PDB file of N, CA and C in Angstrom:
ATOM      1  N   MET A   1       6.325   9.336 -15.225  1.00  0.00           N
ATOM      2  CA  MET A   1       5.664   9.999 -14.123  1.00  0.00           C
ATOM      3  C   MET A   1       5.158   8.938 -13.146  1.00  0.00           C
ATOM      4  N   HIS A   2       5.073   9.324 -11.886  1.00  0.00           N
ATOM      5  CA  HIS A   2       4.528   8.428 -10.868  1.00  0.00           C
ATOM      6  C   HIS A   2       3.134   8.896 -10.442  1.00  0.00           C
ATOM      7  N   TYR A   3       2.333   7.942 -10.057  1.00  0.00           N
ATOM      8  CA  TYR A   3       0.982   8.191  -9.562  1.00  0.00           C
ATOM      9  C   TYR A   3       0.769   7.330  -8.330  1.00  0.00           C
ATOM     10  N   ILE A   4       0.133   7.899  -7.307  1.00  0.00           N
ATOM     11  CA  ILE A   4      -0.178   7.142  -6.098  1.00  0.00           C
ATOM     12  C   ILE A   4      -1.680   6.923  -6.038  1.00  0.00           C
ATOM     13  N   LEU A   5      -2.052   5.669  -5.884  1.00  0.00           N
ATOM     14  CA  LEU A   5      -3.444   5.274  -5.685  1.00  0.00           C
ATOM     15  C   LEU A   5      -3.655   5.131  -4.184  1.00  0.00           C
ATOM     16  N   PHE A   6      -4.565   5.919  -3.631  1.00  0.00           N
ATOM     17  CA  PHE A   6      -4.888   5.861  -2.212  1.00  0.00           C
ATOM     18  C   PHE A   6      -6.217   5.149  -2.018  1.00  0.00           C
ATOM     19  N   TYR A   7      -6.247   4.226  -1.069  1.00  0.00           N
ATOM     20  CA  TYR A   7      -7.475   3.529  -0.689  1.00  0.00           C
ATOM     21  C   TYR A   7      -7.859   3.914   0.735  1.00  0.00           C
ATOM     22  N   GLU A   8      -9.150   4.120   0.958  1.00  0.00           N
ATOM     23  CA  GLU A   8      -9.693   4.234   2.307  1.00  0.00           C
ATOM     24  C   GLU A   8     -10.511   2.968   2.554  1.00  0.00           C
ATOM     25  N   ALA A   9     -10.098   2.197   3.538  1.00  0.00           N
ATOM     26  CA  ALA A   9     -10.726   0.900   3.802  1.00  0.00           C
ATOM     27  C   ALA A   9     -12.025   1.042   4.591  1.00  0.00           C
ATOM     28  N   THR A  10     -12.923   0.086   4.400  1.00  0.00           N
ATOM     29  CA  THR A  10     -14.157   0.034   5.180  1.00  0.00           C
ATOM     30  C   THR A  10     -13.846  -0.507   6.579  1.00  0.00           C
ATOM     31  N   ALA A  11     -14.812  -0.392   7.462  1.00  0.00           N
ATOM     32  CA  ALA A  11     -14.624  -0.853   8.840  1.00  0.00           C
ATOM     33  C   ALA A  11     -14.336  -2.352   8.906  1.00  0.00           C
ATOM     34  N   GLY A  12     -14.893  -3.158   8.015  1.00  0.00           N
ATOM     35  CA  GLY A  12     -14.696  -4.602   8.053  1.00  0.00           C
ATOM     36  C   GLY A  12     -13.573  -5.111   7.164  1.00  0.00           C
ATOM     37  N   TYR A  13     -12.689  -4.227   6.756  1.00  0.00           N
ATOM     38  CA  TYR A  13     -11.631  -4.588   5.807  1.00  0.00           C
ATOM     39  C   TYR A  13     -10.791  -5.778   6.276  1.00  0.00           C
ATOM     40  N   LEU A  14     -10.277  -5.728   7.482  1.00  0.00           N
ATOM     41  CA  LEU A  14      -9.397  -6.813   7.953  1.00  0.00           C
ATOM     42  C   LEU A  14     -10.116  -8.155   8.001  1.00  0.00           C
ATOM     43  N   GLU A  15     -11.360  -8.137   8.410  1.00  0.00           N
ATOM     44  CA  GLU A  15     -12.126  -9.378   8.513  1.00  0.00           C
ATOM     45  C   GLU A  15     -12.437  -9.979   7.145  1.00  0.00           C
ATOM     46  N   ARG A  16     -12.582  -9.159   6.126  1.00  0.00           N
ATOM     47  CA  ARG A  16     -12.977  -9.632   4.795  1.00  0.00           C
ATOM     48  C   ARG A  16     -11.815  -9.774   3.815  1.00  0.00           C
ATOM     49  N   ARG A  17     -10.660  -9.224   4.144  1.00  0.00           N
ATOM     50  CA  ARG A  17      -9.538  -9.169   3.204  1.00  0.00           C
ATOM     51  C   ARG A  17      -9.097 -10.546   2.717  1.00  0.00           C
ATOM     52  N   ALA A  18      -9.021 -11.515   3.590  1.00  0.00           N
ATOM     53  CA  ALA A  18      -8.513 -12.847   3.225  1.00  0.00           C
ATOM     54  C   ALA A  18      -9.291 -13.461   2.065  1.00  0.00           C
ATOM     55  N   GLU A  19     -10.580 -13.220   2.011  1.00  0.00           N
ATOM     56  CA  GLU A  19     -11.436 -13.781   0.976  1.00  0.00           C
ATOM     57  C   GLU A  19     -11.022 -13.340  -0.437  1.00  0.00           C
ATOM     58  N   PHE A  20     -10.466 -12.143  -0.550  1.00  0.00           N
ATOM     59  CA  PHE A  20     -10.137 -11.570  -1.856  1.00  0.00           C
ATOM     60  C   PHE A  20      -8.635 -11.328  -2.051  1.00  0.00           C
ATOM     61  N   ARG A  21      -7.842 -11.688  -1.063  1.00  0.00           N
ATOM     62  CA  ARG A  21      -6.417 -11.330  -1.092  1.00  0.00           C
ATOM     63  C   ARG A  21      -5.648 -11.984  -2.237  1.00  0.00           C
ATOM     64  N   GLU A  22      -5.891 -13.257  -2.499  1.00  0.00           N
ATOM     65  CA  GLU A  22      -5.158 -13.954  -3.564  1.00  0.00           C
ATOM     66  C   GLU A  22      -5.403 -13.291  -4.921  1.00  0.00           C
ATOM     67  N   GLU A  23      -6.654 -12.977  -5.212  1.00  0.00           N
ATOM     68  CA  GLU A  23      -6.992 -12.315  -6.469  1.00  0.00           C
ATOM     69  C   GLU A  23      -6.398 -10.906  -6.539  1.00  0.00           C
ATOM     70  N   HIS A  24      -6.430 -10.196  -5.415  1.00  0.00           N
ATOM     71  CA  HIS A  24      -5.841  -8.856  -5.343  1.00  0.00           C
ATOM     72  C   HIS A  24      -4.336  -8.920  -5.607  1.00  0.00           C
ATOM     73  N   LEU A  25      -3.652  -9.857  -4.960  1.00  0.00           N
ATOM     74  CA  LEU A  25      -2.205  -9.997  -5.152  1.00  0.00           C
ATOM     75  C   LEU A  25      -1.853 -10.419  -6.574  1.00  0.00           C
ATOM     76  N   GLN A  26      -2.673 -11.261  -7.159  1.00  0.00           N
ATOM     77  CA  GLN A  26      -2.441 -11.667  -8.546  1.00  0.00           C
ATOM     78  C   GLN A  26      -2.517 -10.447  -9.468  1.00  0.00           C
ATOM     79  N   LEU A  27      -3.534  -9.617  -9.272  1.00  0.00           N
ATOM     80  CA  LEU A  27      -3.685  -8.399 -10.067  1.00  0.00           C
ATOM     81  C   LEU A  27      -2.484  -7.475  -9.858  1.00  0.00           C
ATOM     82  N   ALA A  28      -2.044  -7.350  -8.616  1.00  0.00           N
ATOM     83  CA  ALA A  28      -0.917  -6.473  -8.311  1.00  0.00           C
ATOM     84  C   ALA A  28       0.366  -6.963  -8.964  1.00  0.00           C
ATOM     85  N   TRP A  29       0.663  -8.244  -8.841  1.00  0.00           N
ATOM     86  CA  TRP A  29       1.908  -8.758  -9.410  1.00  0.00           C
ATOM     87  C   TRP A  29       1.888  -8.774 -10.935  1.00  0.00           C
ATOM     88  N   GLN A  30       0.719  -8.880 -11.528  1.00  0.00           N
ATOM     89  CA  GLN A  30       0.627  -8.739 -12.985  1.00  0.00           C
ATOM     90  C   GLN A  30       1.006  -7.317 -13.390  1.00  0.00           C
ATOM     91  N   ALA A  31       0.565  -6.336 -12.603  1.00  0.00           N
ATOM     92  CA  ALA A  31       0.912  -4.936 -12.874  1.00  0.00           C
ATOM     93  C   ALA A  31       2.410  -4.700 -12.664  1.00  0.00           C
ATOM     94  N   VAL A  32       2.994  -5.371 -11.678  1.00  0.00           N
ATOM     95  CA  VAL A  32       4.443  -5.291 -11.473  1.00  0.00           C
ATOM     96  C   VAL A  32       5.156  -5.842 -12.701  1.00  0.00           C
ATOM     97  N   ASP A  33       4.731  -7.010 -13.164  1.00  0.00           N
ATOM     98  CA  ASP A  33       5.364  -7.655 -14.320  1.00  0.00           C
ATOM     99  C   ASP A  33       5.262  -6.807 -15.589  1.00  0.00           C
ATOM    100  N   ARG A  34       4.217  -5.990 -15.691  1.00  0.00           N
ATOM    101  CA  ARG A  34       4.068  -5.095 -16.849  1.00  0.00           C
ATOM    102  C   ARG A  34       4.876  -3.805 -16.681  1.00  0.00           C
ATOM    103  N   GLY A  35       5.497  -3.629 -15.512  1.00  0.00           N
ATOM    104  CA  GLY A  35       6.280  -2.427 -15.255  1.00  0.00           C
ATOM    105  C   GLY A  35       5.446  -1.234 -14.824  1.00  0.00           C
ATOM    106  N   GLU A  36       4.218  -1.473 -14.376  1.00  0.00           N
ATOM    107  CA  GLU A  36       3.315  -0.387 -13.993  1.00  0.00           C
ATOM    108  C   GLU A  36       3.340  -0.113 -12.487  1.00  0.00           C
ATOM    109  N   LEU A  37       3.259  -1.155 -11.694  1.00  0.00           N
ATOM    110  CA  LEU A  37       3.191  -1.020 -10.239  1.00  0.00           C
ATOM    111  C   LEU A  37       4.614  -1.049  -9.683  1.00  0.00           C
ATOM    112  N   VAL A  38       4.959  -0.045  -8.896  1.00  0.00           N
ATOM    113  CA  VAL A  38       6.299   0.080  -8.334  1.00  0.00           C
ATOM    114  C   VAL A  38       6.354  -0.466  -6.914  1.00  0.00           C
ATOM    115  N   LEU A  39       5.362  -0.121  -6.113  1.00  0.00           N
ATOM    116  CA  LEU A  39       5.365  -0.475  -4.695  1.00  0.00           C
ATOM    117  C   LEU A  39       3.958  -0.299  -4.159  1.00  0.00           C
ATOM    118  N   GLY A  40       3.539  -1.184  -3.283  1.00  0.00           N
ATOM    119  CA  GLY A  40       2.206  -1.030  -2.715  1.00  0.00           C
ATOM    120  C   GLY A  40       2.039  -1.798  -1.431  1.00  0.00           C
ATOM    121  N   GLY A  41       1.070  -1.379  -0.639  1.00  0.00           N
ATOM    122  CA  GLY A  41       0.762  -2.092   0.584  1.00  0.00           C
ATOM    123  C   GLY A  41      -0.212  -1.327   1.447  1.00  0.00           C
ATOM    124  N   ALA A  42      -0.704  -2.023   2.467  1.00  0.00           N
ATOM    125  CA  ALA A  42      -1.675  -1.445   3.399  1.00  0.00           C
ATOM    126  C   ALA A  42      -0.965  -0.600   4.446  1.00  0.00           C
ATOM    127  N   PHE A  43      -1.654   0.424   4.929  1.00  0.00           N
ATOM    128  CA  PHE A  43      -1.158   1.201   6.058  1.00  0.00           C
ATOM    129  C   PHE A  43      -1.253   0.331   7.306  1.00  0.00           C
ATOM    130  N   ALA A  44      -0.384   0.585   8.260  1.00  0.00           N
ATOM    131  CA  ALA A  44      -0.371  -0.197   9.499  1.00  0.00           C
ATOM    132  C   ALA A  44      -0.645   0.711  10.698  1.00  0.00           C
ATOM    133  N   ASN A  45      -1.236   0.131  11.693  1.00  0.00           N
ATOM    134  CA  ASN A  45      -1.429   0.768  13.009  1.00  0.00           C
ATOM    135  C   ASN A  45      -2.083   2.143  12.930  1.00  0.00           C
ATOM    136  N   PRO A  46      -3.293   2.267  12.481  1.00  0.00           N
ATOM    137  CA  PRO A  46      -4.258   1.219  12.160  1.00  0.00           C
ATOM    138  C   PRO A  46      -4.245   0.863  10.674  1.00  0.00           C
ATOM    139  N   VAL A  47      -4.783  -0.312  10.397  1.00  0.00           N
ATOM    140  CA  VAL A  47      -4.951  -0.750   9.008  1.00  0.00           C
ATOM    141  C   VAL A  47      -6.262  -0.135   8.521  1.00  0.00           C
ATOM    142  N   ASP A  48      -6.146   1.063   7.951  1.00  0.00           N
ATOM    143  CA  ASP A  48      -7.350   1.794   7.543  1.00  0.00           C
ATOM    144  C   ASP A  48      -7.306   2.243   6.091  1.00  0.00           C
ATOM    145  N   GLY A  49      -6.317   1.752   5.354  1.00  0.00           N
ATOM    146  CA  GLY A  49      -6.205   2.121   3.959  1.00  0.00           C
ATOM    147  C   GLY A  49      -4.925   1.563   3.366  1.00  0.00           C
ATOM    148  N   ALA A  50      -4.608   2.025   2.164  1.00  0.00           N
ATOM    149  CA  ALA A  50      -3.421   1.552   1.471  1.00  0.00           C
ATOM    150  C   ALA A  50      -2.954   2.606   0.491  1.00  0.00           C
ATOM    151  N   ALA A  51      -1.712   2.439   0.028  1.00  0.00           N
ATOM    152  CA  ALA A  51      -1.161   3.282  -1.023  1.00  0.00           C
ATOM    153  C   ALA A  51      -0.418   2.388  -1.994  1.00  0.00           C
ATOM    154  N   ILE A  52      -0.611   2.647  -3.279  1.00  0.00           N
ATOM    155  CA  ILE A  52       0.047   1.868  -4.324  1.00  0.00           C
ATOM    156  C   ILE A  52       0.650   2.859  -5.308  1.00  0.00           C
ATOM    157  N   VAL A  53       1.948   2.728  -5.546  1.00  0.00           N
ATOM    158  CA  VAL A  53       2.670   3.645  -6.437  1.00  0.00           C
ATOM    159  C   VAL A  53       2.775   3.011  -7.821  1.00  0.00           C
ATOM    160  N   PHE A  54       2.374   3.782  -8.830  1.00  0.00           N
ATOM    161  CA  PHE A  54       2.425   3.344 -10.219  1.00  0.00           C
ATOM    162  C   PHE A  54       3.334   4.267 -11.004  1.00  0.00           C
ATOM    163  N   GLN A  55       3.837   3.770 -12.130  1.00  0.00           N
ATOM    164  CA  GLN A  55       4.539   4.625 -13.076  1.00  0.00           C
ATOM    165  C   GLN A  55       3.885   4.454 -14.438  1.00  0.00           C
ATOM    166  N   GLY A  56       3.787   5.564 -15.160  1.00  0.00           N
ATOM    167  CA  GLY A  56       3.161   5.525 -16.476  1.00  0.00           C
ATOM    168  C   GLY A  56       3.047   6.918 -17.053  1.00  0.00           C
ATOM    169  N   ASP A  57       2.394   7.003 -18.182  1.00  0.00           N
ATOM    170  CA  ASP A  57       2.229   8.277 -18.879  1.00  0.00           C
ATOM    171  C   ASP A  57       1.014   9.069 -18.416  1.00  0.00           C
ATOM    172  N   SER A  58       0.106   8.400 -17.693  1.00  0.00           N
ATOM    173  CA  SER A  58      -1.104   9.075 -17.232  1.00  0.00           C
ATOM    174  C   SER A  58      -1.631   8.340 -15.999  1.00  0.00           C
ATOM    175  N   PRO A  59      -2.580   8.944 -15.282  1.00  0.00           N
ATOM    176  CA  PRO A  59      -3.153   8.281 -14.115  1.00  0.00           C
ATOM    177  C   PRO A  59      -4.010   7.069 -14.470  1.00  0.00           C
ATOM    178  N   GLU A  60      -4.274   6.861 -15.759  1.00  0.00           N
ATOM    179  CA  GLU A  60      -5.140   5.757 -16.189  1.00  0.00           C
ATOM    180  C   GLU A  60      -4.641   4.402 -15.697  1.00  0.00           C
ATOM    181  N   VAL A  61      -3.335   4.215 -15.627  1.00  0.00           N
ATOM    182  CA  VAL A  61      -2.798   2.927 -15.182  1.00  0.00           C
ATOM    183  C   VAL A  61      -3.256   2.620 -13.752  1.00  0.00           C
ATOM    184  N   ALA A  62      -3.235   3.612 -12.881  1.00  0.00           N
ATOM    185  CA  ALA A  62      -3.687   3.422 -11.496  1.00  0.00           C
ATOM    186  C   ALA A  62      -5.206   3.311 -11.418  1.00  0.00           C
ATOM    187  N   GLU A  63      -5.895   4.130 -12.189  1.00  0.00           N
ATOM    188  CA  GLU A  63      -7.363   4.096 -12.193  1.00  0.00           C
ATOM    189  C   GLU A  63      -7.890   2.759 -12.704  1.00  0.00           C
ATOM    190  N   ARG A  64      -7.262   2.234 -13.742  1.00  0.00           N
ATOM    191  CA  ARG A  64      -7.659   0.935 -14.297  1.00  0.00           C
ATOM    192  C   ARG A  64      -7.464  -0.174 -13.255  1.00  0.00           C
ATOM    193  N   PHE A  65      -6.343  -0.106 -12.532  1.00  0.00           N
ATOM    194  CA  PHE A  65      -6.087  -1.085 -11.476  1.00  0.00           C
ATOM    195  C   PHE A  65      -7.197  -1.022 -10.423  1.00  0.00           C
ATOM    196  N   ALA A  66      -7.514   0.168  -9.948  1.00  0.00           N
ATOM    197  CA  ALA A  66      -8.530   0.319  -8.903  1.00  0.00           C
ATOM    198  C   ALA A  66      -9.886  -0.218  -9.352  1.00  0.00           C
ATOM    199  N   ARG A  67     -10.274   0.098 -10.582  1.00  0.00           N
ATOM    200  CA  ARG A  67     -11.589  -0.358 -11.066  1.00  0.00           C
ATOM    201  C   ARG A  67     -11.679  -1.884 -11.160  1.00  0.00           C
ATOM    202  N   ALA A  68     -10.533  -2.568 -11.326  1.00  0.00           N
ATOM    203  CA  ALA A  68     -10.521  -4.025 -11.444  1.00  0.00           C
ATOM    204  C   ALA A  68     -10.195  -4.728 -10.127  1.00  0.00           C
ATOM    205  N   ASP A  69      -9.724  -3.994  -9.139  1.00  0.00           N
ATOM    206  CA  ASP A  69      -9.264  -4.602  -7.887  1.00  0.00           C
ATOM    207  C   ASP A  69     -10.440  -5.233  -7.130  1.00  0.00           C
ATOM    208  N   PRO A  70     -10.315  -6.512  -6.752  1.00  0.00           N
ATOM    209  CA  PRO A  70     -11.402  -7.157  -6.017  1.00  0.00           C
ATOM    210  C   PRO A  70     -11.698  -6.487  -4.674  1.00  0.00           C
ATOM    211  N   TYR A  71     -10.741  -5.810  -4.084  1.00  0.00           N
ATOM    212  CA  TYR A  71     -11.013  -5.079  -2.847  1.00  0.00           C
ATOM    213  C   TYR A  71     -11.994  -3.937  -3.114  1.00  0.00           C
ATOM    214  N   VAL A  72     -11.873  -3.287  -4.243  1.00  0.00           N
ATOM    215  CA  VAL A  72     -12.785  -2.202  -4.612  1.00  0.00           C
ATOM    216  C   VAL A  72     -14.122  -2.780  -5.072  1.00  0.00           C
ATOM    217  N   VAL A  73     -14.055  -3.738  -5.988  1.00  0.00           N
ATOM    218  CA  VAL A  73     -15.258  -4.334  -6.583  1.00  0.00           C
ATOM    219  C   VAL A  73     -16.168  -4.941  -5.520  1.00  0.00           C
ATOM    220  N   ASN A  74     -15.567  -5.516  -4.466  1.00  0.00           N
ATOM    221  CA  ASN A  74     -16.349  -6.203  -3.443  1.00  0.00           C
ATOM    222  C   ASN A  74     -16.590  -5.372  -2.180  1.00  0.00           C
ATOM    223  N   GLY A  75     -16.341  -4.073  -2.261  1.00  0.00           N
ATOM    224  CA  GLY A  75     -16.738  -3.171  -1.193  1.00  0.00           C
ATOM    225  C   GLY A  75     -15.816  -3.094   0.015  1.00  0.00           C
ATOM    226  N   LEU A  76     -14.585  -3.560  -0.069  1.00  0.00           N
ATOM    227  CA  LEU A  76     -13.652  -3.430   1.045  1.00  0.00           C
ATOM    228  C   LEU A  76     -13.014  -2.050   1.087  1.00  0.00           C
ATOM    229  N   VAL A  77     -13.086  -1.354  -0.049  1.00  0.00           N
ATOM    230  CA  VAL A  77     -12.544  -0.002  -0.154  1.00  0.00           C
ATOM    231  C   VAL A  77     -13.710   0.973  -0.212  1.00  0.00           C
ATOM    232  N   LYS A  78     -13.748   1.873   0.767  1.00  0.00           N
ATOM    233  CA  LYS A  78     -14.818   2.871   0.871  1.00  0.00           C
ATOM    234  C   LYS A  78     -14.680   3.938  -0.218  1.00  0.00           C
ATOM    235  N   SER A  79     -13.441   4.368  -0.454  1.00  0.00           N
ATOM    236  CA  SER A  79     -13.182   5.361  -1.486  1.00  0.00           C
ATOM    237  C   SER A  79     -11.732   5.229  -1.941  1.00  0.00           C
ATOM    238  N   TRP A  80     -11.484   5.729  -3.161  1.00  0.00           N
ATOM    239  CA  TRP A  80     -10.118   5.735  -3.688  1.00  0.00           C
ATOM    240  C   TRP A  80      -9.931   6.949  -4.572  1.00  0.00           C
ATOM    241  N   TYR A  81      -8.680   7.365  -4.686  1.00  0.00           N
ATOM    242  CA  TYR A  81      -8.334   8.455  -5.585  1.00  0.00           C
ATOM    243  C   TYR A  81      -6.874   8.325  -5.980  1.00  0.00           C
ATOM    244  N   VAL A  82      -6.514   8.979  -7.073  1.00  0.00           N
ATOM    245  CA  VAL A  82      -5.163   8.931  -7.618  1.00  0.00           C
ATOM    246  C   VAL A  82      -4.586  10.337  -7.622  1.00  0.00           C
ATOM    247  N   ARG A  83      -3.333  10.456  -7.198  1.00  0.00           N
ATOM    248  CA  ARG A  83      -2.618  11.725  -7.232  1.00  0.00           C
ATOM    249  C   ARG A  83      -1.354  11.573  -8.061  1.00  0.00           C
ATOM    250  N   GLU A  84      -1.077  12.551  -8.915  1.00  0.00           N
ATOM    251  CA  GLU A  84       0.189  12.595  -9.628  1.00  0.00           C
ATOM    252  C   GLU A  84       1.280  12.953  -8.616  1.00  0.00           C
ATOM    253  N   TRP A  85       2.424  12.291  -8.720  1.00  0.00           N
ATOM    254  CA  TRP A  85       3.509  12.483  -7.770  1.00  0.00           C
ATOM    255  C   TRP A  85       4.768  12.859  -8.531  1.00  0.00           C
ATOM    256  N   SER A  86       5.244  14.065  -8.346  1.00  0.00           N
ATOM    257  CA  SER A  86       6.437  14.554  -9.035  1.00  0.00           C
ATOM    258  C   SER A  86       7.672  14.106  -8.254  1.00  0.00           C
ATOM    259  N   THR A  87       8.247  12.999  -8.648  1.00  0.00           N
ATOM    260  CA  THR A  87       9.393  12.441  -7.932  1.00  0.00           C
ATOM    261  C   THR A  87      10.687  13.031  -8.481  1.00  0.00           C
ATOM    262  N   VAL A  88      11.530  13.550  -7.562  1.00  0.00           N
ATOM    263  CA  VAL A  88      12.776  14.208  -7.966  1.00  0.00           C
ATOM    264  C   VAL A  88      14.014  13.627  -7.293  1.00  0.00           C
ATOM    265  N   ALA A  89      13.842  12.812  -6.261  1.00  0.00           N
ATOM    266  CA  ALA A  89      14.987  12.234  -5.561  1.00  0.00           C
ATOM    267  C   ALA A  89      14.791  10.737  -5.406  1.00  0.00           C
ATOM    268  N   GLY A  90      15.877  10.005  -5.550  1.00  0.00           N
ATOM    269  CA  GLY A  90      15.829   8.546  -5.416  1.00  0.00           C
ATOM    270  C   GLY A  90      16.143   7.874  -6.729  1.00  0.00           C
ATOM    271  N   TRP A  91      16.526   6.616  -6.640  1.00  0.00           N
ATOM    272  CA  TRP A  91      16.938   5.857  -7.829  1.00  0.00           C
ATOM    273  C   TRP A  91      15.831   5.722  -8.857  1.00  0.00           C
ATOM    274  N   LEU A  92      14.584   5.737  -8.422  1.00  0.00           N
ATOM    275  CA  LEU A  92      13.461   5.562  -9.343  1.00  0.00           C
ATOM    276  C   LEU A  92      12.757   6.870  -9.684  1.00  0.00           C
ATOM    277  N   ALA A  93      13.334   8.000  -9.299  1.00  0.00           N
ATOM    278  CA  ALA A  93      12.692   9.297  -9.566  1.00  0.00           C
ATOM    279  C   ALA A  93      12.432   9.472 -11.061  1.00  0.00           C
ATOM    280  N   ALA A  94      11.244   9.954 -11.369  1.00  0.00           N
ATOM    281  CA  ALA A  94      10.867  10.167 -12.781  1.00  0.00           C
ATOM    282  C   ALA A  94      11.629  11.338 -13.389  1.00  0.00           C
ATOM    283  N   THR A  95      11.872  12.360 -12.601  1.00  0.00           N
ATOM    284  CA  THR A  95      12.629  13.527 -13.069  1.00  0.00           C
ATOM    285  C   THR A  95      13.684  13.863 -12.016  1.00  0.00           C
ATOM    286  N   PRO A  96      14.773  13.098 -11.970  1.00  0.00           N
ATOM    287  CA  PRO A  96      15.804  13.322 -10.943  1.00  0.00           C
ATOM    288  C   PRO A  96      16.364  14.744 -11.002  1.00  0.00           C
ATOM    289  N   LEU A  97      16.500  15.338  -9.852  1.00  0.00           N
ATOM    290  CA  LEU A  97      17.037  16.690  -9.750  1.00  0.00           C
ATOM    291  C   LEU A  97      18.087  16.706  -8.643  1.00  0.00           C
ATOM    292  N   ARG A  98      19.339  16.771  -9.049  1.00  0.00           N
ATOM    293  CA  ARG A  98      20.462  16.765  -8.104  1.00  0.00           C
ATOM    294  C   ARG A  98      20.754  18.170  -7.606  1.00  0.00           C
ATOM    295  N   PRO A  99      21.316  18.303  -6.397  1.00  0.00           N
ATOM    296  CA  PRO A  99      21.710  19.623  -5.894  1.00  0.00           C
ATOM    297  C   PRO A  99      22.667  20.296  -6.869  1.00  0.00           C
ATOM    298  N   GLY A 100      22.502  21.585  -7.035  1.00  0.00           N
ATOM    299  CA  GLY A 100      23.364  22.353  -7.906  1.00  0.00           C
ATOM    300  C   GLY A 100      22.982  22.313  -9.363  1.00  0.00           C
ATOM    301  N   ALA A 101      21.948  21.539  -9.706  1.00  0.00           N
ATOM    302  CA  ALA A 101      21.499  21.470 -11.095  1.00  0.00           C
ATOM    303  C   ALA A 101      20.817  22.786 -11.473  1.00  0.00           C
ATOM    304  N   ALA A 102      20.931  23.163 -12.702  1.00  0.00           N
ATOM    305  CA  ALA A 102      20.291  24.400 -13.171  1.00  0.00           C
ATOM    306  C   ALA A 102      18.795  24.361 -12.899  1.00  0.00           C
ATOM    307  N   GLY A 103      18.263  25.426 -12.387  1.00  0.00           N
ATOM    308  CA  GLY A 103      16.828  25.517 -12.136  1.00  0.00           C
ATOM    309  C   GLY A 103      16.392  24.925 -10.813  1.00  0.00           C
ATOM    310  N   SER A 104      17.322  24.450  -9.990  1.00  0.00           N
ATOM    311  CA  SER A 104      16.924  23.854  -8.700  1.00  0.00           C
ATOM    312  C   SER A 104      16.749  24.905  -7.704  1.00  0.00           C
TER     313      SER A 104
END
């Protein structure tokens, strides 16, 4: 199953991000290496938040990441939440569903 972690950034996010970016990226790439984090990054124009896609058996993998993320711990993220994402199309879909399949 996939889960999306959504971040809402504080007003000073861009100004403060550099201070914590290396630690944040280290945490992210460790999650990639464990096969948990699929894709992530900040929203652009405006930079007011981010989305990070995880795969796992429960939302805990994304929640654990958020609780440890230096952007969250140090107040750059105003709020965060995790949504389960039922992926059905694409090479990485958790439950691929092709046209013409039974039950589609």
